[in-house]
Amino acid sequence: MRKTYNKDEYLIKMVEVFKTNVTDSKIADKIISELVLYLPQSKINFDLTDCDNILRIESSEKIATESVTSHLFGLGYFCEVLDY
């Protein structure tokens, strides 16, 4: 988990980055729409041009990484937290 400080908003944000095997943008959009239901205060996006097909979640609250990975596994996709 990476914490970032936005001096303009005076908020600390949590950022989690996941490696996935999602390669289709329509599937990525579907996954995002499902994750937003569980993480409504979060910014969620995929970077499918990255070799790791990155899923990035930014939130002002703690992100339950196990729930995210379990959700994607349940949909049949690989997902793991990238350590940095």
Protein backbone atom coordinates (compact mmCIF):
# COMPACT_ATOMS: atom_id res chain seq x y z
CA MET A 1 0.00 0.00 0.00
CA ARG A 2 1.27 3.41 -0.92
CA LYS A 3 0.08 6.58 0.80
CA THR A 4 0.04 9.82 -1.13
CA TYR A 5 -0.55 13.31 0.20
CA ASN A 6 -2.40 15.78 -1.98
CA LYS A 7 -1.38 19.23 -0.74
CA ASP A 8 -4.25 20.89 -2.62
CA GLU A 9 -6.93 18.75 -0.99
CA TYR A 10 -5.13 18.00 2.30
CA LEU A 11 -6.08 14.34 2.06
CA ILE A 12 -4.03 11.22 2.46
CA LYS A 13 -4.95 8.68 -0.17
CA MET A 14 -4.31 4.96 -0.19
CA VAL A 15 -3.22 3.44 -3.48
CA GLU A 16 -3.11 -0.25 -4.28
CA VAL A 17 -1.79 -1.64 -7.53
CA PHE A 18 -2.61 -5.16 -8.72
CA LYS A 19 -1.19 -7.36 -11.46
CA THR A 20 -3.98 -9.09 -13.42
CA ASN A 21 -4.54 -11.17 -16.53
CA VAL A 22 -7.46 -9.03 -17.72
CA THR A 23 -6.76 -8.05 -21.33
CA ASP A 24 -10.15 -6.95 -22.67
CA SER A 25 -11.38 -3.40 -22.07
CA LYS A 26 -15.05 -4.45 -21.94
CA ILE A 27 -14.27 -6.98 -19.21
CA ALA A 28 -12.18 -4.37 -17.39
CA ASP A 29 -15.14 -1.96 -17.49
CA LYS A 30 -17.44 -4.67 -16.11
CA ILE A 31 -15.01 -5.43 -13.28
CA ILE A 32 -14.69 -1.73 -12.45
CA SER A 33 -18.49 -1.34 -12.30
CA GLU A 34 -18.66 -4.27 -9.86
CA LEU A 35 -15.77 -3.05 -7.69
CA VAL A 36 -17.29 0.43 -7.45
CA LEU A 37 -20.26 -1.14 -5.64
CA TYR A 38 -17.91 -2.36 -2.89
CA LEU A 39 -15.56 0.63 -2.98
CA PRO A 40 -17.84 3.59 -3.79
CA GLN A 41 -15.40 6.28 -2.62
CA SER A 42 -12.57 4.93 -4.77
CA LYS A 43 -11.05 5.78 -8.13
CA ILE A 44 -10.56 2.51 -10.01
CA ASN A 45 -8.92 1.97 -13.39
CA PHE A 46 -7.05 -0.57 -15.48
CA ASP A 47 -3.92 0.02 -17.53
CA LEU A 48 -4.19 -2.73 -20.12
CA THR A 49 -1.23 -1.33 -22.08
CA ASP A 50 1.09 -2.26 -19.19
CA CYS A 51 2.67 -5.72 -19.41
CA ASP A 52 1.10 -6.56 -16.01
CA ASN A 53 -2.44 -5.43 -17.00
CA ILE A 54 -2.54 -3.16 -13.97
CA LEU A 55 -5.61 -2.59 -11.82
CA ARG A 56 -5.17 0.57 -9.74
CA ILE A 57 -7.39 1.58 -6.84
CA GLU A 58 -7.10 4.93 -5.06
CA SER A 59 -9.13 5.67 -1.95
CA SER A 60 -9.19 7.86 1.12
CA GLU A 61 -9.97 4.69 3.10
CA LYS A 62 -8.06 1.45 3.61
CA ILE A 63 -8.44 -0.87 0.63
CA ALA A 64 -9.26 -4.50 1.43
CA THR A 65 -6.83 -6.11 -1.00
CA GLU A 66 -7.96 -9.65 -0.15
CA SER A 67 -11.52 -8.77 -1.15
CA VAL A 68 -10.34 -7.35 -4.47
CA THR A 69 -8.20 -10.38 -5.33
CA SER A 70 -10.96 -12.78 -4.22
CA HIS A 71 -13.52 -10.96 -6.35
CA LEU A 72 -11.38 -11.21 -9.47
CA PHE A 73 -10.52 -14.85 -8.73
CA GLY A 74 -14.27 -15.51 -8.42
CA LEU A 75 -14.74 -14.06 -11.90
CA GLY A 76 -12.01 -16.36 -13.22
CA TYR A 77 -9.17 -13.85 -13.39
CA PHE A 78 -5.72 -13.77 -11.82
CA CYS A 79 -5.04 -10.85 -9.50
CA GLU A 80 -2.24 -10.14 -7.03
CA VAL A 81 -1.00 -7.08 -5.20
CA LEU A 82 2.16 -5.64 -6.71
CA ASP A 83 4.80 -4.97 -4.09
CA TYR A 84 6.90 -1.86 -4.53
